[in-house]
Structure formats: structure tokens, C-alpha cells
């Protein structure tokens, strides 16, 4: 059984993945030279939101243990608010492709560094495979965006 603050944290986390997906979809529209990358990342983030929702359900059912360590709800809320600000700036034409790529690298790297997906633990092999898949996808996101950023800097 999850505590109230853990429920809130997981709800915010799911929202975080959805906000990232929306931002990447906007980047695809605003920066069409990289639309294939942005659309793929956006799709993955939608999947991550669904996975968080699934983990939430599994944690409530006792099949997955959730230990948020030192992460607080305001941490996730602050990241969500920052993404919304970047979204508005991008809509207003205040973000360049370099800004978008650099922001995305920082965003993906922060998720990796905070080890958000290490907060879940289970003895279930299939669930562990899912957790590892999400972690790997996040690393790949960072690598792909870093590559695109380096290519853009050379133009």
C-alpha cells in the first residue's frame, strides 16, 4: 500500500512523462528538420507515462515496491513547471533548435542522474525487464539528442 505522498509523487511523475511528450511534439512542429527524432521521443514518452501508471498500479497491489528515496513532490512539480515554461517560450518563437536540443539533453540526463526508475523494485522478472527497458530508452534518448545537438552546432 502506497502512502498519500507516494501516490501524489507517482501522479506527478506520470504527468512529467506526458509533459515531456507534449514538448517533444511541439519541437517536432517548430523544428521540422528533426521532426523524426522529436516524434519518436514523444511516442516513447507517452509509453513511459503508461509504464509509470502501470507501475503505480503494481505498487498498489504489492507486486512492485516503490521507494522514492529523497525525491519530493515539489521536485517533480518544479520540473513539470519548467517544461511548461519552455513550451510557452517555444510556442512564442523564443527557442531555437539549439535551445531545444540542449534543454532536452539536460532533461533526459536529469532523469538518468536522479535514477527515477531505480525507485521501483520487484522480484518479478517481466517487470524488471520493463523497468530496464525504460532506463535504456532514456539513455538512448539522451544519446540521440546529444548527437543531434552536436550536428546542429556544426551547421
C-alpha atoms as a PDB file:
ATOM      1  CA  UNK A   1       0.000   0.000   0.000  1.00  0.00           C
ATOM      2  CA  UNK A   2       1.347   3.373  -1.004  1.00  0.00           C
ATOM      3  CA  UNK A   3       1.329   6.409   1.245  1.00  0.00           C
ATOM      4  CA  UNK A   4      -0.546   9.522   0.131  1.00  0.00           C
ATOM      5  CA  UNK A   5       2.619  11.443  -0.755  1.00  0.00           C
ATOM      6  CA  UNK A   6       3.842   8.460  -2.813  1.00  0.00           C
ATOM      7  CA  UNK A   7       0.555   8.428  -4.724  1.00  0.00           C
ATOM      8  CA  UNK A   8       0.958  12.144  -5.429  1.00  0.00           C
ATOM      9  CA  UNK A   9       4.569  11.660  -6.489  1.00  0.00           C
ATOM     10  CA  UNK A  10       3.629   8.932  -8.959  1.00  0.00           C
ATOM     11  CA  UNK A  11       0.776  11.021 -10.356  1.00  0.00           C
ATOM     12  CA  UNK A  12       3.199  13.914 -10.894  1.00  0.00           C
ATOM     13  CA  UNK A  13       5.718  11.552 -12.431  1.00  0.00           C
ATOM     14  CA  UNK A  14       3.170  10.289 -14.937  1.00  0.00           C
ATOM     15  CA  UNK A  15       2.308  13.914 -15.705  1.00  0.00           C
ATOM     16  CA  UNK A  16       6.027  14.638 -16.174  1.00  0.00           C
ATOM     17  CA  UNK A  17       6.288  11.994 -18.879  1.00  0.00           C
ATOM     18  CA  UNK A  18       3.188  13.431 -20.588  1.00  0.00           C
ATOM     19  CA  UNK A  19       4.583  16.984 -20.411  1.00  0.00           C
ATOM     20  CA  UNK A  20       7.850  15.817 -21.961  1.00  0.00           C
ATOM     21  CA  UNK A  21       5.914  14.086 -24.727  1.00  0.00           C
ATOM     22  CA  UNK A  22       3.917  17.261 -25.442  1.00  0.00           C
ATOM     23  CA  UNK A  23       7.078  19.353 -25.507  1.00  0.00           C
ATOM     24  CA  UNK A  24       8.779  16.987 -27.938  1.00  0.00           C
ATOM     25  CA  UNK A  25       5.687  17.029 -30.161  1.00  0.00           C
ATOM     26  CA  UNK A  26       5.861  20.842 -30.227  1.00  0.00           C
ATOM     27  CA  UNK A  27       9.581  20.675 -31.026  1.00  0.00           C
ATOM     28  CA  UNK A  28       8.701  18.404 -33.975  1.00  0.00           C
ATOM     29  CA  UNK A  29       6.360  21.082 -35.296  1.00  0.00           C
ATOM     30  CA  UNK A  30       8.689  24.022 -34.680  1.00  0.00           C
ATOM     31  CA  UNK A  31      11.897  22.312 -35.793  1.00  0.00           C
ATOM     32  CA  UNK A  32      10.892  20.056 -38.698  1.00  0.00           C
ATOM     33  CA  UNK A  33      14.482  19.231 -39.655  1.00  0.00           C
ATOM     34  CA  UNK A  34      14.500  16.944 -36.614  1.00  0.00           C
ATOM     35  CA  UNK A  35      10.797  16.032 -36.595  1.00  0.00           C
ATOM     36  CA  UNK A  36      11.501  12.306 -36.925  1.00  0.00           C
ATOM     37  CA  UNK A  37      13.641  12.391 -33.779  1.00  0.00           C
ATOM     38  CA  UNK A  38      11.160  14.518 -31.818  1.00  0.00           C
ATOM     39  CA  UNK A  39       8.156  12.410 -32.836  1.00  0.00           C
ATOM     40  CA  UNK A  40       9.929   9.184 -31.866  1.00  0.00           C
ATOM     41  CA  UNK A  41      10.914  10.636 -28.493  1.00  0.00           C
ATOM     42  CA  UNK A  42       7.386  11.950 -27.943  1.00  0.00           C
ATOM     43  CA  UNK A  43       5.956   8.496 -28.617  1.00  0.00           C
ATOM     44  CA  UNK A  44       8.414   6.884 -26.203  1.00  0.00           C
ATOM     45  CA  UNK A  45       7.489   9.402 -23.508  1.00  0.00           C
ATOM     46  CA  UNK A  46       3.811   8.523 -23.924  1.00  0.00           C
ATOM     47  CA  UNK A  47       4.788   4.897 -23.384  1.00  0.00           C
ATOM     48  CA  UNK A  48       6.798   5.880 -20.308  1.00  0.00           C
ATOM     49  CA  UNK A  49       3.735   7.636 -18.867  1.00  0.00           C
ATOM     50  CA  UNK A  50       1.733   4.433 -19.392  1.00  0.00           C
ATOM     51  CA  UNK A  51       4.519   2.419 -17.743  1.00  0.00           C
ATOM     52  CA  UNK A  52       4.542   4.737 -14.717  1.00  0.00           C
ATOM     53  CA  UNK A  53       0.769   4.297 -14.455  1.00  0.00           C
ATOM     54  CA  UNK A  54       1.230   0.525 -14.661  1.00  0.00           C
ATOM     55  CA  UNK A  55       3.983   0.599 -12.005  1.00  0.00           C
ATOM     56  CA  UNK A  56       1.686   2.716  -9.833  1.00  0.00           C
ATOM     57  CA  UNK A  57      -0.980   0.026 -10.079  1.00  0.00           C
ATOM     58  CA  UNK A  58       1.529  -2.758  -9.415  1.00  0.00           C
ATOM     59  CA  UNK A  59       2.888  -0.886  -6.386  1.00  0.00           C
ATOM     60  CA  UNK A  60      -0.621  -0.501  -5.002  1.00  0.00           C
ATOM     61  CA  UNK A  61      -1.100  -4.241  -5.491  1.00  0.00           C
ATOM     62  CA  UNK A  62       2.152  -5.064  -3.711  1.00  0.00           C
ATOM     63  CA  UNK A  63       3.876  -6.569  -6.784  1.00  0.00           C
ATOM     64  CA  UNK A  64       6.340  -3.686  -7.016  1.00  0.00           C
ATOM     65  CA  UNK A  65       7.957  -1.793  -4.188  1.00  0.00           C
ATOM     66  CA  UNK A  66       8.326   1.966  -4.539  1.00  0.00           C
ATOM     67  CA  UNK A  67      10.993   3.851  -2.602  1.00  0.00           C
ATOM     68  CA  UNK A  68      11.284   7.452  -3.714  1.00  0.00           C
ATOM     69  CA  UNK A  69      14.366   7.992  -1.553  1.00  0.00           C
ATOM     70  CA  UNK A  70      14.889  11.753  -1.159  1.00  0.00           C
ATOM     71  CA  UNK A  71      12.718  12.857  -4.083  1.00  0.00           C
ATOM     72  CA  UNK A  72       9.865  15.096  -3.031  1.00  0.00           C
ATOM     73  CA  UNK A  73       6.687  16.009  -4.870  1.00  0.00           C
ATOM     74  CA  UNK A  74       7.870  19.602  -5.292  1.00  0.00           C
ATOM     75  CA  UNK A  75      10.914  18.335  -7.218  1.00  0.00           C
ATOM     76  CA  UNK A  76       8.742  16.735  -9.895  1.00  0.00           C
ATOM     77  CA  UNK A  77       6.322  19.681  -9.847  1.00  0.00           C
ATOM     78  CA  UNK A  78       9.209  22.100 -10.406  1.00  0.00           C
ATOM     79  CA  UNK A  79      10.403  20.096 -13.419  1.00  0.00           C
ATOM     80  CA  UNK A  80       6.843  19.988 -14.796  1.00  0.00           C
ATOM     81  CA  UNK A  81       6.513  23.758 -14.370  1.00  0.00           C
ATOM     82  CA  UNK A  82       9.835  24.316 -16.115  1.00  0.00           C
ATOM     83  CA  UNK A  83       8.730  22.175 -19.062  1.00  0.00           C
ATOM     84  CA  UNK A  84       5.533  24.231 -19.340  1.00  0.00           C
ATOM     85  CA  UNK A  85       7.613  27.427 -19.398  1.00  0.00           C
ATOM     86  CA  UNK A  86       9.828  26.061 -22.169  1.00  0.00           C
ATOM     87  CA  UNK A  87       6.702  25.005 -24.061  1.00  0.00           C
ATOM     88  CA  UNK A  88       5.337  28.568 -23.914  1.00  0.00           C
ATOM     89  CA  UNK A  89       8.671  30.060 -24.976  1.00  0.00           C
ATOM     90  CA  UNK A  90       8.869  27.632 -27.886  1.00  0.00           C
ATOM     91  CA  UNK A  91       5.326  28.481 -28.960  1.00  0.00           C
ATOM     92  CA  UNK A  92       6.268  32.163 -28.865  1.00  0.00           C
ATOM     93  CA  UNK A  93       9.315  31.553 -31.075  1.00  0.00           C
ATOM     94  CA  UNK A  94      11.781  32.297 -28.269  1.00  0.00           C
ATOM     95  CA  UNK A  95      13.525  28.923 -28.503  1.00  0.00           C
ATOM     96  CA  UNK A  96      15.953  27.899 -31.227  1.00  0.00           C
ATOM     97  CA  UNK A  97      16.765  24.373 -32.309  1.00  0.00           C
ATOM     98  CA  UNK A  98      19.992  24.601 -30.270  1.00  0.00           C
ATOM     99  CA  UNK A  99      17.980  25.674 -27.197  1.00  0.00           C
ATOM    100  CA  UNK A 100      15.516  22.812 -27.726  1.00  0.00           C
ATOM    101  CA  UNK A 101      18.218  20.195 -28.135  1.00  0.00           C
ATOM    102  CA  UNK A 102      20.296  21.454 -25.192  1.00  0.00           C
ATOM    103  CA  UNK A 103      17.215  21.577 -22.953  1.00  0.00           C
ATOM    104  CA  UNK A 104      16.256  18.048 -23.971  1.00  0.00           C
ATOM    105  CA  UNK A 105      19.748  16.721 -23.215  1.00  0.00           C
ATOM    106  CA  UNK A 106      19.581  18.284 -19.751  1.00  0.00           C
ATOM    107  CA  UNK A 107      16.079  16.932 -19.181  1.00  0.00           C
ATOM    108  CA  UNK A 108      16.918  13.364 -20.194  1.00  0.00           C
ATOM    109  CA  UNK A 109      20.212  13.438 -18.289  1.00  0.00           C
ATOM    110  CA  UNK A 110      18.482  14.665 -15.134  1.00  0.00           C
ATOM    111  CA  UNK A 111      16.086  11.712 -15.272  1.00  0.00           C
ATOM    112  CA  UNK A 112      19.064   9.373 -15.680  1.00  0.00           C
ATOM    113  CA  UNK A 113      21.089  11.042 -12.895  1.00  0.00           C
ATOM    114  CA  UNK A 114      18.168  11.062 -10.465  1.00  0.00           C
ATOM    115  CA  UNK A 115      17.675   7.368 -11.243  1.00  0.00           C
ATOM    116  CA  UNK A 116      13.903   7.760 -11.164  1.00  0.00           C
ATOM    117  CA  UNK A 117      13.332   4.244 -12.439  1.00  0.00           C
ATOM    118  CA  UNK A 118      15.559   2.752  -9.749  1.00  0.00           C
ATOM    119  CA  UNK A 119      12.855   3.726  -7.244  1.00  0.00           C
ATOM    120  CA  UNK A 120      10.918   0.643  -8.303  1.00  0.00           C
ATOM    121  CA  UNK A 121      11.997  -2.814  -7.206  1.00  0.00           C
ATOM    122  CA  UNK A 122      10.488  -6.223  -7.654  1.00  0.00           C
ATOM    123  CA  UNK A 123      11.340  -9.895  -7.836  1.00  0.00           C
ATOM    124  CA  UNK A 124       9.170 -10.279 -10.942  1.00  0.00           C
ATOM    125  CA  UNK A 125      11.388 -10.910 -13.975  1.00  0.00           C
ATOM    126  CA  UNK A 126       8.982  -9.379 -16.526  1.00  0.00           C
ATOM    127  CA  UNK A 127       8.508  -6.211 -14.503  1.00  0.00           C
ATOM    128  CA  UNK A 128      12.277  -5.889 -14.083  1.00  0.00           C
ATOM    129  CA  UNK A 129      12.643  -6.195 -17.854  1.00  0.00           C
ATOM    130  CA  UNK A 130      10.146  -3.360 -18.277  1.00  0.00           C
ATOM    131  CA  UNK A 131      11.978  -1.149 -15.757  1.00  0.00           C
ATOM    132  CA  UNK A 132      15.282  -1.819 -17.513  1.00  0.00           C
ATOM    133  CA  UNK A 133      13.692  -1.079 -20.893  1.00  0.00           C
ATOM    134  CA  UNK A 134      12.571   2.352 -19.713  1.00  0.00           C
ATOM    135  CA  UNK A 135      16.002   3.115 -18.272  1.00  0.00           C
ATOM    136  CA  UNK A 136      17.679   2.053 -21.520  1.00  0.00           C
ATOM    137  CA  UNK A 137      15.289   4.135 -23.626  1.00  0.00           C
ATOM    138  CA  UNK A 138      16.016   7.200 -21.507  1.00  0.00           C
ATOM    139  CA  UNK A 139      19.762   6.704 -22.007  1.00  0.00           C
ATOM    140  CA  UNK A 140      19.175   6.308 -25.737  1.00  0.00           C
ATOM    141  CA  UNK A 141      17.102   9.494 -25.790  1.00  0.00           C
ATOM    142  CA  UNK A 142      19.986  11.395 -24.267  1.00  0.00           C
ATOM    143  CA  UNK A 143      22.461   9.921 -26.739  1.00  0.00           C
ATOM    144  CA  UNK A 144      20.274  10.688 -29.775  1.00  0.00           C
ATOM    145  CA  UNK A 145      19.620  14.243 -28.707  1.00  0.00           C
ATOM    146  CA  UNK A 146      23.309  14.822 -27.914  1.00  0.00           C
ATOM    147  CA  UNK A 147      24.186  13.597 -31.404  1.00  0.00           C
ATOM    148  CA  UNK A 148      21.613  15.922 -32.992  1.00  0.00           C
ATOM    149  CA  UNK A 149      22.898  18.823 -30.862  1.00  0.00           C
ATOM    150  CA  UNK A 150      26.485  18.228 -31.979  1.00  0.00           C
ATOM    151  CA  UNK A 151      25.364  18.055 -35.625  1.00  0.00           C
ATOM    152  CA  UNK A 152      23.387  21.289 -35.241  1.00  0.00           C
ATOM    153  CA  UNK A 153      26.378  23.089 -33.679  1.00  0.00           C
ATOM    154  CA  UNK A 154      28.430  22.240 -36.773  1.00  0.00           C
ATOM    155  CA  UNK A 155      25.946  23.946 -39.124  1.00  0.00           C
END
